[in-house]
Amino acid sequence: MIVEFANQTQPEFAGDKIAAVKKAATERLRPVLMTTAAMVIGVVPLLTAAGAGAQSRFSIGLVITVGMTIGTLFTLFVVPTVYTFLADDHSGKVAGQSQSVLANEQ
């Protein structure tokens, strides 16, 4: 989501990938954190289970919690960093599309 949003907003910043990915990460921060929080809070009963099978439930809950946390950290920090190195320049994309639409209308 961050990469697609950054690709769409890059023309607004005249092809500046760093500014586009900062805006994308800022815009997508809340949905990413809310999704992670909802999942981790939903797993709390597995982490606090007692009785028969509690160890296996705890193991599953721990894997989900750690996996979601690591995945969120990668989403918020690693993906934007890698985007700045690997992303294509989309600064002329909007201008090129509007010119082709005008050419097709004539």
PDB file of N, CA and C in Angstrom:
ATOM      1  N   MET A   1       0.812  -1.187   0.000  1.00  0.00           N
ATOM      2  CA  MET A   1       0.000   0.000   0.000  1.00  0.00           C
ATOM      3  C   MET A   1       0.865   1.265   0.000  1.00  0.00           C
ATOM      4  N   ILE A   2       1.943   1.229   0.758  1.00  0.00           N
ATOM      5  CA  ILE A   2       2.808   2.408   0.824  1.00  0.00           C
ATOM      6  C   ILE A   2       3.461   2.655  -0.532  1.00  0.00           C
ATOM      7  N   VAL A   3       3.899   1.590  -1.190  1.00  0.00           N
ATOM      8  CA  VAL A   3       4.565   1.739  -2.489  1.00  0.00           C
ATOM      9  C   VAL A   3       3.592   2.286  -3.531  1.00  0.00           C
ATOM     10  N   GLU A   4       2.399   1.744  -3.587  1.00  0.00           N
ATOM     11  CA  GLU A   4       1.416   2.217  -4.570  1.00  0.00           C
ATOM     12  C   GLU A   4       1.036   3.672  -4.312  1.00  0.00           C
ATOM     13  N   PHE A   5       0.836   4.006  -3.058  1.00  0.00           N
ATOM     14  CA  PHE A   5       0.491   5.388  -2.703  1.00  0.00           C
ATOM     15  C   PHE A   5       1.639   6.331  -3.051  1.00  0.00           C
ATOM     16  N   ALA A   6       2.872   5.906  -2.800  1.00  0.00           N
ATOM     17  CA  ALA A   6       4.032   6.733  -3.140  1.00  0.00           C
ATOM     18  C   ALA A   6       4.158   6.907  -4.650  1.00  0.00           C
ATOM     19  N   ASN A   7       3.884   5.845  -5.414  1.00  0.00           N
ATOM     20  CA  ASN A   7       3.928   5.959  -6.872  1.00  0.00           C
ATOM     21  C   ASN A   7       2.887   6.954  -7.383  1.00  0.00           C
ATOM     22  N   GLN A   8       1.722   6.970  -6.769  1.00  0.00           N
ATOM     23  CA  GLN A   8       0.663   7.878  -7.203  1.00  0.00           C
ATOM     24  C   GLN A   8       0.934   9.318  -6.793  1.00  0.00           C
ATOM     25  N   THR A   9       1.605   9.535  -5.674  1.00  0.00           N
ATOM     26  CA  THR A   9       1.859  10.895  -5.214  1.00  0.00           C
ATOM     27  C   THR A   9       3.191  11.459  -5.685  1.00  0.00           C
ATOM     28  N   GLN A  10       4.031  10.640  -6.291  1.00  0.00           N
ATOM     29  CA  GLN A  10       5.347  11.113  -6.722  1.00  0.00           C
ATOM     30  C   GLN A  10       5.275  12.267  -7.719  1.00  0.00           C
ATOM     31  N   PRO A  11       4.339  12.295  -8.674  1.00  0.00           N
ATOM     32  CA  PRO A  11       4.273  13.455  -9.577  1.00  0.00           C
ATOM     33  C   PRO A  11       3.992  14.780  -8.864  1.00  0.00           C
ATOM     34  N   GLU A  12       3.296  14.752  -7.734  1.00  0.00           N
ATOM     35  CA  GLU A  12       3.037  15.978  -6.970  1.00  0.00           C
ATOM     36  C   GLU A  12       4.326  16.606  -6.452  1.00  0.00           C
ATOM     37  N   PHE A  13       5.338  15.783  -6.227  1.00  0.00           N
ATOM     38  CA  PHE A  13       6.604  16.254  -5.679  1.00  0.00           C
ATOM     39  C   PHE A  13       7.687  16.334  -6.754  1.00  0.00           C
ATOM     40  N   ALA A  14       7.300  16.419  -7.998  1.00  0.00           N
ATOM     41  CA  ALA A  14       8.219  16.553  -9.134  1.00  0.00           C
ATOM     42  C   ALA A  14       9.244  15.421  -9.175  1.00  0.00           C
ATOM     43  N   GLY A  15       8.797  14.220  -8.875  1.00  0.00           N
ATOM     44  CA  GLY A  15       9.666  13.058  -8.964  1.00  0.00           C
ATOM     45  C   GLY A  15      10.544  12.826  -7.760  1.00  0.00           C
ATOM     46  N   ASP A  16      10.362  13.590  -6.691  1.00  0.00           N
ATOM     47  CA  ASP A  16      11.160  13.401  -5.482  1.00  0.00           C
ATOM     48  C   ASP A  16      10.648  12.171  -4.741  1.00  0.00           C
ATOM     49  N   LYS A  17      11.396  11.077  -4.838  1.00  0.00           N
ATOM     50  CA  LYS A  17      10.972   9.811  -4.249  1.00  0.00           C
ATOM     51  C   LYS A  17      10.923   9.879  -2.726  1.00  0.00           C
ATOM     52  N   ILE A  18      11.856  10.578  -2.131  1.00  0.00           N
ATOM     53  CA  ILE A  18      11.898  10.639  -0.667  1.00  0.00           C
ATOM     54  C   ILE A  18      10.678  11.383  -0.114  1.00  0.00           C
ATOM     55  N   ALA A  19      10.321  12.495  -0.723  1.00  0.00           N
ATOM     56  CA  ALA A  19       9.141  13.242  -0.269  1.00  0.00           C
ATOM     57  C   ALA A  19       7.865  12.426  -0.492  1.00  0.00           C
ATOM     58  N   ALA A  20       7.793  11.723  -1.623  1.00  0.00           N
ATOM     59  CA  ALA A  20       6.605  10.916  -1.917  1.00  0.00           C
ATOM     60  C   ALA A  20       6.458   9.772  -0.930  1.00  0.00           C
ATOM     61  N   VAL A  21       7.546   9.089  -0.604  1.00  0.00           N
ATOM     62  CA  VAL A  21       7.448   7.966   0.324  1.00  0.00           C
ATOM     63  C   VAL A  21       7.204   8.456   1.752  1.00  0.00           C
ATOM     64  N   LYS A  22       7.699   9.636   2.110  1.00  0.00           N
ATOM     65  CA  LYS A  22       7.390  10.194   3.435  1.00  0.00           C
ATOM     66  C   LYS A  22       5.903  10.482   3.561  1.00  0.00           C
ATOM     67  N   LYS A  23       5.326  11.069   2.523  1.00  0.00           N
ATOM     68  CA  LYS A  23       3.884  11.349   2.556  1.00  0.00           C
ATOM     69  C   LYS A  23       3.087  10.049   2.588  1.00  0.00           C
ATOM     70  N   ALA A  24       3.497   9.072   1.785  1.00  0.00           N
ATOM     71  CA  ALA A  24       2.793   7.790   1.755  1.00  0.00           C
ATOM     72  C   ALA A  24       2.868   7.095   3.109  1.00  0.00           C
ATOM     73  N   ALA A  25       4.043   7.086   3.719  1.00  0.00           N
ATOM     74  CA  ALA A  25       4.190   6.442   5.021  1.00  0.00           C
ATOM     75  C   ALA A  25       3.377   7.171   6.088  1.00  0.00           C
ATOM     76  N   THR A  26       3.336   8.496   6.005  1.00  0.00           N
ATOM     77  CA  THR A  26       2.545   9.273   6.958  1.00  0.00           C
ATOM     78  C   THR A  26       1.056   8.983   6.805  1.00  0.00           C
ATOM     79  N   GLU A  27       0.596   8.926   5.560  1.00  0.00           N
ATOM     80  CA  GLU A  27      -0.827   8.677   5.292  1.00  0.00           C
ATOM     81  C   GLU A  27      -1.245   7.256   5.679  1.00  0.00           C
ATOM     82  N   ARG A  28      -0.369   6.294   5.511  1.00  0.00           N
ATOM     83  CA  ARG A  28      -0.723   4.900   5.752  1.00  0.00           C
ATOM     84  C   ARG A  28      -0.369   4.432   7.161  1.00  0.00           C
ATOM     85  N   LEU A  29       0.244   5.289   7.975  1.00  0.00           N
ATOM     86  CA  LEU A  29       0.662   4.897   9.317  1.00  0.00           C
ATOM     87  C   LEU A  29      -0.511   4.436  10.171  1.00  0.00           C
ATOM     88  N   ARG A  30      -1.558   5.227  10.220  1.00  0.00           N
ATOM     89  CA  ARG A  30      -2.703   4.894  11.071  1.00  0.00           C
ATOM     90  C   ARG A  30      -3.361   3.569  10.678  1.00  0.00           C
ATOM     91  N   PRO A  31      -3.679   3.332   9.390  1.00  0.00           N
ATOM     92  CA  PRO A  31      -4.277   2.036   9.050  1.00  0.00           C
ATOM     93  C   PRO A  31      -3.378   0.841   9.363  1.00  0.00           C
ATOM     94  N   VAL A  32      -2.081   0.991   9.151  1.00  0.00           N
ATOM     95  CA  VAL A  32      -1.161  -0.109   9.441  1.00  0.00           C
ATOM     96  C   VAL A  32      -1.135  -0.394  10.938  1.00  0.00           C
ATOM     97  N   LEU A  33      -1.021   0.654  11.743  1.00  0.00           N
ATOM     98  CA  LEU A  33      -0.980   0.460  13.191  1.00  0.00           C
ATOM     99  C   LEU A  33      -2.305  -0.068  13.737  1.00  0.00           C
ATOM    100  N   MET A  34      -3.416   0.392  13.194  1.00  0.00           N
ATOM    101  CA  MET A  34      -4.721  -0.088  13.663  1.00  0.00           C
ATOM    102  C   MET A  34      -4.920  -1.567  13.338  1.00  0.00           C
ATOM    103  N   THR A  35      -4.482  -1.980  12.161  1.00  0.00           N
ATOM    104  CA  THR A  35      -4.596  -3.387  11.778  1.00  0.00           C
ATOM    105  C   THR A  35      -3.737  -4.254  12.684  1.00  0.00           C
ATOM    106  N   THR A  36      -2.522  -3.821  12.922  1.00  0.00           N
ATOM    107  CA  THR A  36      -1.628  -4.582  13.789  1.00  0.00           C
ATOM    108  C   THR A  36      -2.175  -4.648  15.212  1.00  0.00           C
ATOM    109  N   ALA A  37      -2.620  -3.514  15.730  1.00  0.00           N
ATOM    110  CA  ALA A  37      -3.147  -3.492  17.094  1.00  0.00           C
ATOM    111  C   ALA A  37      -4.366  -4.398  17.236  1.00  0.00           C
ATOM    112  N   ALA A  38      -5.252  -4.375  16.266  1.00  0.00           N
ATOM    113  CA  ALA A  38      -6.449  -5.222  16.326  1.00  0.00           C
ATOM    114  C   ALA A  38      -6.075  -6.703  16.340  1.00  0.00           C
ATOM    115  N   MET A  39      -5.107  -7.065  15.525  1.00  0.00           N
ATOM    116  CA  MET A  39      -4.687  -8.467  15.470  1.00  0.00           C
ATOM    117  C   MET A  39      -4.002  -8.890  16.767  1.00  0.00           C
ATOM    118  N   VAL A  40      -3.111  -8.060  17.268  1.00  0.00           N
ATOM    119  CA  VAL A  40      -2.376  -8.410  18.490  1.00  0.00           C
ATOM    120  C   VAL A  40      -3.329  -8.462  19.689  1.00  0.00           C
ATOM    121  N   ILE A  41      -4.251  -7.522  19.784  1.00  0.00           N
ATOM    122  CA  ILE A  41      -5.216  -7.541  20.890  1.00  0.00           C
ATOM    123  C   ILE A  41      -6.130  -8.769  20.772  1.00  0.00           C
ATOM    124  N   GLY A  42      -6.450  -9.152  19.544  1.00  0.00           N
ATOM    125  CA  GLY A  42      -7.269 -10.349  19.344  1.00  0.00           C
ATOM    126  C   GLY A  42      -6.569 -11.633  19.755  1.00  0.00           C
ATOM    127  N   VAL A  43      -5.261 -11.626  19.806  1.00  0.00           N
ATOM    128  CA  VAL A  43      -4.482 -12.817  20.154  1.00  0.00           C
ATOM    129  C   VAL A  43      -4.204 -12.900  21.654  1.00  0.00           C
ATOM    130  N   VAL A  44      -4.489 -11.858  22.406  1.00  0.00           N
ATOM    131  CA  VAL A  44      -4.224 -11.846  23.852  1.00  0.00           C
ATOM    132  C   VAL A  44      -4.854 -13.049  24.565  1.00  0.00           C
ATOM    133  N   PRO A  45      -6.085 -13.469  24.235  1.00  0.00           N
ATOM    134  CA  PRO A  45      -6.621 -14.661  24.907  1.00  0.00           C
ATOM    135  C   PRO A  45      -5.773 -15.921  24.690  1.00  0.00           C
ATOM    136  N   LEU A  46      -5.119 -16.017  23.523  1.00  0.00           N
ATOM    137  CA  LEU A  46      -4.238 -17.163  23.307  1.00  0.00           C
ATOM    138  C   LEU A  46      -3.001 -17.083  24.202  1.00  0.00           C
ATOM    139  N   LEU A  47      -2.519 -15.871  24.436  1.00  0.00           N
ATOM    140  CA  LEU A  47      -1.329 -15.700  25.267  1.00  0.00           C
ATOM    141  C   LEU A  47      -1.616 -15.914  26.744  1.00  0.00           C
ATOM    142  N   THR A  48      -2.849 -15.687  27.159  1.00  0.00           N
ATOM    143  CA  THR A  48      -3.202 -15.815  28.578  1.00  0.00           C
ATOM    144  C   THR A  48      -4.003 -17.080  28.869  1.00  0.00           C
ATOM    145  N   ALA A  49      -4.013 -18.027  27.951  1.00  0.00           N
ATOM    146  CA  ALA A  49      -4.807 -19.244  28.112  1.00  0.00           C
ATOM    147  C   ALA A  49      -4.289 -20.076  29.283  1.00  0.00           C
ATOM    148  N   ALA A  50      -5.216 -20.775  29.906  1.00  0.00           N
ATOM    149  CA  ALA A  50      -4.873 -21.682  31.002  1.00  0.00           C
ATOM    150  C   ALA A  50      -5.625 -22.982  30.788  1.00  0.00           C
ATOM    151  N   GLY A  51      -5.121 -24.043  31.363  1.00  0.00           N
ATOM    152  CA  GLY A  51      -5.802 -25.322  31.257  1.00  0.00           C
ATOM    153  C   GLY A  51      -5.179 -26.212  30.201  1.00  0.00           C
ATOM    154  N   ALA A  52      -5.977 -27.185  29.773  1.00  0.00           N
ATOM    155  CA  ALA A  52      -5.486 -28.166  28.801  1.00  0.00           C
ATOM    156  C   ALA A  52      -5.163 -27.490  27.476  1.00  0.00           C
ATOM    157  N   GLY A  53      -3.974 -27.747  26.963  1.00  0.00           N
ATOM    158  CA  GLY A  53      -3.560 -27.190  25.678  1.00  0.00           C
ATOM    159  C   GLY A  53      -3.087 -25.756  25.745  1.00  0.00           C
ATOM    160  N   ALA A  54      -2.858 -25.241  26.938  1.00  0.00           N
ATOM    161  CA  ALA A  54      -2.470 -23.842  27.083  1.00  0.00           C
ATOM    162  C   ALA A  54      -1.111 -23.563  26.460  1.00  0.00           C
ATOM    163  N   GLN A  55      -0.189 -24.515  26.526  1.00  0.00           N
ATOM    164  CA  GLN A  55       1.137 -24.294  25.957  1.00  0.00           C
ATOM    165  C   GLN A  55       1.077 -24.148  24.439  1.00  0.00           C
ATOM    166  N   SER A  56       0.267 -24.960  23.795  1.00  0.00           N
ATOM    167  CA  SER A  56       0.173 -24.854  22.332  1.00  0.00           C
ATOM    168  C   SER A  56      -0.537 -23.566  21.921  1.00  0.00           C
ATOM    169  N   ARG A  57      -1.552 -23.147  22.679  1.00  0.00           N
ATOM    170  CA  ARG A  57      -2.211 -21.876  22.380  1.00  0.00           C
ATOM    171  C   ARG A  57      -1.263 -20.697  22.590  1.00  0.00           C
ATOM    172  N   PHE A  58      -0.464 -20.767  23.660  1.00  0.00           N
ATOM    173  CA  PHE A  58       0.507 -19.715  23.916  1.00  0.00           C
ATOM    174  C   PHE A  58       1.526 -19.635  22.784  1.00  0.00           C
ATOM    175  N   SER A  59       1.988 -20.787  22.307  1.00  0.00           N
ATOM    176  CA  SER A  59       2.965 -20.813  21.212  1.00  0.00           C
ATOM    177  C   SER A  59       2.394 -20.183  19.949  1.00  0.00           C
ATOM    178  N   ILE A  60       1.172 -20.519  19.636  1.00  0.00           N
ATOM    179  CA  ILE A  60       0.524 -19.941  18.445  1.00  0.00           C
ATOM    180  C   ILE A  60       0.346 -18.433  18.626  1.00  0.00           C
ATOM    181  N   GLY A  61      -0.113 -18.009  19.803  1.00  0.00           N
ATOM    182  CA  GLY A  61      -0.297 -16.582  20.074  1.00  0.00           C
ATOM    183  C   GLY A  61       1.005 -15.809  20.016  1.00  0.00           C
ATOM    184  N   LEU A  62       2.072 -16.408  20.526  1.00  0.00           N
ATOM    185  CA  LEU A  62       3.372 -15.751  20.504  1.00  0.00           C
ATOM    186  C   LEU A  62       3.882 -15.585  19.072  1.00  0.00           C
ATOM    187  N   VAL A  63       3.730 -16.614  18.270  1.00  0.00           N
ATOM    188  CA  VAL A  63       4.166 -16.537  16.866  1.00  0.00           C
ATOM    189  C   VAL A  63       3.388 -15.459  16.121  1.00  0.00           C
ATOM    190  N   ILE A  64       2.094 -15.394  16.328  1.00  0.00           N
ATOM    191  CA  ILE A  64       1.277 -14.381  15.654  1.00  0.00           C
ATOM    192  C   ILE A  64       1.673 -12.975  16.114  1.00  0.00           C
ATOM    193  N   THR A  65       1.831 -12.800  17.411  1.00  0.00           N
ATOM    194  CA  THR A  65       2.169 -11.480  17.950  1.00  0.00           C
ATOM    195  C   THR A  65       3.534 -11.005  17.457  1.00  0.00           C
ATOM    196  N   VAL A  66       4.539 -11.843  17.548  1.00  0.00           N
ATOM    197  CA  VAL A  66       5.885 -11.462  17.106  1.00  0.00           C
ATOM    198  C   VAL A  66       5.907 -11.257  15.589  1.00  0.00           C
ATOM    199  N   GLY A  67       5.227 -12.125  14.866  1.00  0.00           N
ATOM    200  CA  GLY A  67       5.179 -11.991  13.402  1.00  0.00           C
ATOM    201  C   GLY A  67       4.519 -10.694  12.957  1.00  0.00           C
ATOM    202  N   MET A  68       3.410 -10.344  13.579  1.00  0.00           N
ATOM    203  CA  MET A  68       2.740  -9.090  13.237  1.00  0.00           C
ATOM    204  C   MET A  68       3.596  -7.883  13.601  1.00  0.00           C
ATOM    205  N   THR A  69       4.270  -7.951  14.725  1.00  0.00           N
ATOM    206  CA  THR A  69       5.118  -6.834  15.145  1.00  0.00           C
ATOM    207  C   THR A  69       6.303  -6.654  14.194  1.00  0.00           C
ATOM    208  N   ILE A  70       6.965  -7.739  13.853  1.00  0.00           N
ATOM    209  CA  ILE A  70       8.093  -7.653  12.917  1.00  0.00           C
ATOM    210  C   ILE A  70       7.614  -7.209  11.543  1.00  0.00           C
ATOM    211  N   GLY A  71       6.487  -7.743  11.096  1.00  0.00           N
ATOM    212  CA  GLY A  71       5.931  -7.339   9.805  1.00  0.00           C
ATOM    213  C   GLY A  71       5.587  -5.856   9.763  1.00  0.00           C
ATOM    214  N   THR A  72       5.058  -5.353  10.853  1.00  0.00           N
ATOM    215  CA  THR A  72       4.725  -3.923  10.929  1.00  0.00           C
ATOM    216  C   THR A  72       5.982  -3.065  10.900  1.00  0.00           C
ATOM    217  N   LEU A  73       7.002  -3.468  11.619  1.00  0.00           N
ATOM    218  CA  LEU A  73       8.263  -2.725  11.600  1.00  0.00           C
ATOM    219  C   LEU A  73       8.877  -2.713  10.201  1.00  0.00           C
ATOM    220  N   PHE A  74       8.815  -3.851   9.509  1.00  0.00           N
ATOM    221  CA  PHE A  74       9.308  -3.886   8.135  1.00  0.00           C
ATOM    222  C   PHE A  74       8.483  -2.969   7.247  1.00  0.00           C
ATOM    223  N   THR A  75       7.175  -2.994   7.427  1.00  0.00           N
ATOM    224  CA  THR A  75       6.301  -2.154   6.612  1.00  0.00           C
ATOM    225  C   THR A  75       6.583  -0.674   6.821  1.00  0.00           C
ATOM    226  N   LEU A  76       6.823  -0.280   8.051  1.00  0.00           N
ATOM    227  CA  LEU A  76       6.988   1.136   8.365  1.00  0.00           C
ATOM    228  C   LEU A  76       8.402   1.672   8.139  1.00  0.00           C
ATOM    229  N   PHE A  77       9.408   0.810   8.196  1.00  0.00           N
ATOM    230  CA  PHE A  77      10.784   1.297   8.097  1.00  0.00           C
ATOM    231  C   PHE A  77      11.552   0.738   6.902  1.00  0.00           C
ATOM    232  N   VAL A  78      11.471  -0.554   6.668  1.00  0.00           N
ATOM    233  CA  VAL A  78      12.280  -1.174   5.606  1.00  0.00           C
ATOM    234  C   VAL A  78      11.698  -0.880   4.230  1.00  0.00           C
ATOM    235  N   VAL A  79      10.401  -1.027   4.057  1.00  0.00           N
ATOM    236  CA  VAL A  79       9.779  -0.803   2.739  1.00  0.00           C
ATOM    237  C   VAL A  79      10.022   0.620   2.232  1.00  0.00           C
ATOM    238  N   PRO A  80       9.796   1.676   3.033  1.00  0.00           N
ATOM    239  CA  PRO A  80      10.093   3.022   2.525  1.00  0.00           C
ATOM    240  C   PRO A  80      11.571   3.225   2.175  1.00  0.00           C
ATOM    241  N   THR A  81      12.455   2.637   2.957  1.00  0.00           N
ATOM    242  CA  THR A  81      13.881   2.771   2.672  1.00  0.00           C
ATOM    243  C   THR A  81      14.248   2.103   1.355  1.00  0.00           C
ATOM    244  N   VAL A  82      13.775   0.897   1.157  1.00  0.00           N
ATOM    245  CA  VAL A  82      14.062   0.175  -0.087  1.00  0.00           C
ATOM    246  C   VAL A  82      13.401   0.879  -1.267  1.00  0.00           C
ATOM    247  N   TYR A  83      12.233   1.467  -1.061  1.00  0.00           N
ATOM    248  CA  TYR A  83      11.541   2.198  -2.128  1.00  0.00           C
ATOM    249  C   TYR A  83      12.403   3.340  -2.654  1.00  0.00           C
ATOM    250  N   THR A  84      13.073   4.061  -1.762  1.00  0.00           N
ATOM    251  CA  THR A  84      13.886   5.198  -2.210  1.00  0.00           C
ATOM    252  C   THR A  84      15.033   4.752  -3.106  1.00  0.00           C
ATOM    253  N   PHE A  85      15.496   3.519  -2.938  1.00  0.00           N
ATOM    254  CA  PHE A  85      16.596   3.020  -3.763  1.00  0.00           C
ATOM    255  C   PHE A  85      16.118   2.379  -5.067  1.00  0.00           C
ATOM    256  N   LEU A  86      14.977   1.707  -5.051  1.00  0.00           N
ATOM    257  CA  LEU A  86      14.557   0.893  -6.186  1.00  0.00           C
ATOM    258  C   LEU A  86      13.430   1.468  -7.041  1.00  0.00           C
ATOM    259  N   ALA A  87      12.746   2.485  -6.573  1.00  0.00           N
ATOM    260  CA  ALA A  87      11.561   2.987  -7.277  1.00  0.00           C
ATOM    261  C   ALA A  87      11.934   3.678  -8.579  1.00  0.00           C
ATOM    262  N   ASP A  88      11.044   3.543  -9.546  1.00  0.00           N
ATOM    263  CA  ASP A  88      11.192   4.256 -10.810  1.00  0.00           C
ATOM    264  C   ASP A  88      10.742   5.693 -10.639  1.00  0.00           C
ATOM    265  N   ASP A  89      11.159   6.541 -11.570  1.00  0.00           N
ATOM    266  CA  ASP A  89      10.753   7.945 -11.555  1.00  0.00           C
ATOM    267  C   ASP A  89       9.383   8.056 -12.210  1.00  0.00           C
ATOM    268  N   HIS A  90       8.390   8.502 -11.463  1.00  0.00           N
ATOM    269  CA  HIS A  90       7.017   8.647 -11.965  1.00  0.00           C
ATOM    270  C   HIS A  90       6.635  10.107 -12.139  1.00  0.00           C
ATOM    271  N   SER A  91       7.603  10.990 -12.243  1.00  0.00           N
ATOM    272  CA  SER A  91       7.297  12.419 -12.303  1.00  0.00           C
ATOM    273  C   SER A  91       6.599  12.806 -13.595  1.00  0.00           C
ATOM    274  N   GLY A  92       6.908  12.180 -14.726  1.00  0.00           N
ATOM    275  CA  GLY A  92       6.280  12.534 -15.992  1.00  0.00           C
ATOM    276  C   GLY A  92       5.076  11.697 -16.332  1.00  0.00           C
ATOM    277  N   LYS A  93       4.693  10.809 -15.451  1.00  0.00           N
ATOM    278  CA  LYS A  93       3.604   9.877 -15.745  1.00  0.00           C
ATOM    279  C   LYS A  93       2.274  10.588 -15.950  1.00  0.00           C
ATOM    280  N   VAL A  94       1.940  11.510 -15.070  1.00  0.00           N
ATOM    281  CA  VAL A  94       0.652  12.205 -15.168  1.00  0.00           C
ATOM    282  C   VAL A  94       0.619  13.076 -16.416  1.00  0.00           C
ATOM    283  N   ALA A  95       1.693  13.788 -16.682  1.00  0.00           N
ATOM    284  CA  ALA A  95       1.731  14.658 -17.860  1.00  0.00           C
ATOM    285  C   ALA A  95       1.625  13.832 -19.133  1.00  0.00           C
ATOM    286  N   GLY A  96       2.298  12.711 -19.194  1.00  0.00           N
ATOM    287  CA  GLY A  96       2.234  11.854 -20.370  1.00  0.00           C
ATOM    288  C   GLY A  96       0.850  11.266 -20.577  1.00  0.00           C
ATOM    289  N   GLN A  97       0.185  10.906 -19.499  1.00  0.00           N
ATOM    290  CA  GLN A  97      -1.154  10.349 -19.608  1.00  0.00           C
ATOM    291  C   GLN A  97      -2.141  11.399 -20.093  1.00  0.00           C
ATOM    292  N   SER A  98      -2.043  12.612 -19.598  1.00  0.00           N
ATOM    293  CA  SER A  98      -2.990  13.647 -20.004  1.00  0.00           C
ATOM    294  C   SER A  98      -2.779  14.028 -21.457  1.00  0.00           C
ATOM    295  N   GLN A  99      -1.540  14.013 -21.954  1.00  0.00           N
ATOM    296  CA  GLN A  99      -1.281  14.314 -23.342  1.00  0.00           C
ATOM    297  C   GLN A  99      -1.831  13.226 -24.252  1.00  0.00           C
ATOM    298  N   SER A 100      -1.715  11.963 -23.831  1.00  0.00           N
ATOM    299  CA  SER A 100      -2.237  10.886 -24.660  1.00  0.00           C
ATOM    300  C   SER A 100      -3.756  10.902 -24.679  1.00  0.00           C
ATOM    301  N   VAL A 101      -4.397  11.301 -23.600  1.00  0.00           N
ATOM    302  CA  VAL A 101      -5.853  11.406 -23.569  1.00  0.00           C
ATOM    303  C   VAL A 101      -6.303  12.531 -24.498  1.00  0.00           C
ATOM    304  N   LEU A 102      -5.603  13.659 -24.474  1.00  0.00           N
ATOM    305  CA  LEU A 102      -5.948  14.758 -25.367  1.00  0.00           C
ATOM    306  C   LEU A 102      -5.743  14.379 -26.826  1.00  0.00           C
ATOM    307  N   ALA A 103      -4.704  13.634 -27.121  1.00  0.00           N
ATOM    308  CA  ALA A 103      -4.429  13.216 -28.494  1.00  0.00           C
ATOM    309  C   ALA A 103      -5.518  12.255 -28.981  1.00  0.00           C
ATOM    310  N   ASN A 104      -6.020  11.392 -28.113  1.00  0.00           N
ATOM    311  CA  ASN A 104      -7.076  10.454 -28.494  1.00  0.00           C
ATOM    312  C   ASN A 104      -8.408  11.143 -28.711  1.00  0.00           C
ATOM    313  N   GLU A 105      -8.663  12.247 -27.997  1.00  0.00           N
ATOM    314  CA  GLU A 105      -9.921  12.954 -28.154  1.00  0.00           C
ATOM    315  C   GLU A 105      -9.989  13.703 -29.465  1.00  0.00           C
ATOM    316  N   GLN A 106      -8.842  14.131 -29.982  1.00  0.00           N
ATOM    317  CA  GLN A 106      -8.836  14.889 -31.229  1.00  0.00           C
ATOM    318  C   GLN A 106      -8.907  13.930 -32.334  1.00  0.00           C
TER     319      GLN A 106
END
